[in-house]
Amino acid sequence: MNLLLEVIIANGLLFDAFGVIGLGLLALAALRLVREKKSWGGSMMAYGAVALLIARIYVLLAPHVVDNDFLIAVGPIGISLMMALPPILLTFGLAGVVWGLWGHEKWLKEKY
């Protein structure tokens, strides 16, 4: 097997941890933009990063929390919501980050 593929499979938790840390740093950097520069694009970027972070943590923790008893307890509507939540959060999160970057760039052009 390819060595890179073995590293990715064996160290999946490490890559997941780096992903969560990276999204957290993105959210903190966006919040710093809001606080220090008063950029409205930074707030959108922070909302998007937090949505991506929640989706990432949800995807990581769901296999450990969700079992058959939990699925029976939430019913078919809850199962549908659980299946729809990650794509919705990922879509709005990515849109928020992109809109925030665009908004911050537009704010910089207007200011300077």
Protein backbone atom coordinates (compact mmCIF):
# COMPACT_ATOMS: atom_id res chain seq x y z
CA MET A 1 0.00 0.00 0.00
CA ASN A 2 1.08 3.58 -0.53
CA LEU A 3 2.94 5.05 2.46
CA LEU A 4 1.01 8.33 2.35
CA LEU A 5 -2.31 6.48 2.36
CA GLU A 6 -1.19 4.39 5.35
CA VAL A 7 -0.23 7.55 7.26
CA ILE A 8 -3.59 9.16 6.50
CA ILE A 9 -5.52 6.07 7.60
CA ALA A 10 -3.40 5.40 10.69
CA ASN A 11 -3.28 9.04 11.83
CA GLY A 12 -6.84 10.07 11.06
CA LEU A 13 -7.34 11.50 14.53
CA LEU A 14 -4.27 13.69 14.16
CA PHE A 15 -5.56 15.15 10.90
CA ASP A 16 -9.00 15.67 12.47
CA ALA A 17 -7.40 17.48 15.38
CA PHE A 18 -5.45 19.71 13.00
CA GLY A 19 -8.68 20.46 11.12
CA VAL A 20 -10.50 21.47 14.30
CA ILE A 21 -7.54 23.56 15.49
CA GLY A 22 -7.29 25.27 12.10
CA LEU A 23 -10.99 26.16 12.05
CA GLY A 24 -10.72 27.48 15.60
CA LEU A 25 -7.78 29.67 14.63
CA LEU A 26 -9.70 30.95 11.60
CA ALA A 27 -12.62 31.91 13.85
CA LEU A 28 -10.30 33.64 16.32
CA ALA A 29 -8.53 35.54 13.54
CA ALA A 30 -11.87 36.67 12.13
CA LEU A 31 -13.01 37.83 15.56
CA ARG A 32 -9.79 39.78 15.93
CA LEU A 33 -10.54 41.50 12.61
CA VAL A 34 -13.94 42.48 13.94
CA ARG A 35 -12.64 43.73 17.26
CA GLU A 36 -9.60 45.66 16.06
CA LYS A 37 -10.58 46.79 12.56
CA LYS A 38 -14.39 46.92 12.86
CA SER A 39 -14.73 44.90 9.64
CA TRP A 40 -18.21 43.56 8.90
CA GLY A 41 -16.66 40.90 6.69
CA GLY A 42 -14.78 39.55 9.69
CA SER A 43 -18.01 38.82 11.52
CA MET A 44 -19.37 36.86 8.56
CA MET A 45 -16.08 34.99 8.36
CA ALA A 46 -16.31 34.17 12.08
CA TYR A 47 -19.90 32.90 11.74
CA GLY A 48 -18.85 30.71 8.82
CA ALA A 49 -15.83 29.34 10.66
CA VAL A 50 -17.92 28.51 13.72
CA ALA A 51 -20.51 26.73 11.55
CA LEU A 52 -17.71 24.70 9.91
CA LEU A 53 -16.24 23.94 13.33
CA ILE A 54 -19.59 22.73 14.70
CA ALA A 55 -20.12 20.54 11.63
CA ARG A 56 -16.61 19.09 11.94
CA ILE A 57 -17.05 18.28 15.63
CA TYR A 58 -20.51 16.82 14.93
CA VAL A 59 -19.12 14.52 12.26
CA LEU A 60 -16.30 13.44 14.57
CA LEU A 61 -18.47 12.78 17.63
CA ALA A 62 -21.65 11.39 16.06
CA PRO A 63 -20.35 7.83 15.56
CA HIS A 64 -19.44 7.66 19.25
CA VAL A 65 -22.72 9.10 20.57
CA VAL A 66 -25.40 7.80 18.21
CA ASP A 67 -26.50 4.22 18.74
CA ASN A 68 -29.70 2.27 18.03
CA ASP A 69 -31.41 3.36 21.26
CA PHE A 70 -30.72 7.00 20.44
CA LEU A 71 -32.11 6.59 16.91
CA ILE A 72 -35.28 4.97 18.26
CA ALA A 73 -35.66 7.82 20.77
CA VAL A 74 -35.41 10.63 18.20
CA GLY A 75 -37.65 8.96 15.63
CA PRO A 76 -37.74 9.42 11.87
CA ILE A 77 -37.89 13.23 11.97
CA GLY A 78 -34.87 13.39 14.27
CA ILE A 79 -32.95 11.00 12.05
CA SER A 80 -33.72 13.18 9.02
CA LEU A 81 -32.54 16.26 10.90
CA MET A 82 -29.37 14.49 12.01
CA MET A 83 -28.61 13.54 8.42
CA ALA A 84 -29.35 17.05 7.09
CA LEU A 85 -27.46 19.01 9.75
CA PRO A 86 -23.83 18.46 8.58
CA PRO A 87 -24.40 19.41 4.91
CA ILE A 88 -26.41 22.47 5.94
CA LEU A 89 -23.73 23.62 8.41
CA LEU A 90 -20.95 22.96 5.90
CA THR A 91 -22.77 24.85 3.15
CA PHE A 92 -23.57 27.89 5.28
CA GLY A 93 -20.13 27.77 6.89
CA LEU A 94 -18.30 27.83 3.60
CA ALA A 95 -20.63 30.53 2.28
CA GLY A 96 -20.00 32.59 5.43
CA VAL A 97 -16.22 32.33 5.11
CA VAL A 98 -16.26 33.25 1.42
CA TRP A 99 -18.75 36.08 1.95
CA GLY A 100 -16.66 37.31 4.88
CA LEU A 101 -13.47 37.36 2.79
CA TRP A 102 -15.28 39.20 0.01
CA GLY A 103 -16.82 41.63 2.47
CA HIS A 104 -13.53 42.36 4.20
CA GLU A 105 -11.84 42.98 0.85
CA LYS A 106 -14.67 45.34 -0.16
CA TRP A 107 -14.40 47.10 3.21
CA LEU A 108 -10.64 47.56 2.70
CA LYS A 109 -11.20 49.09 -0.75
CA GLU A 110 -13.81 51.48 0.62
CA LYS A 111 -11.67 52.49 3.60
CA TYR A 112 -8.39 53.04 1.78
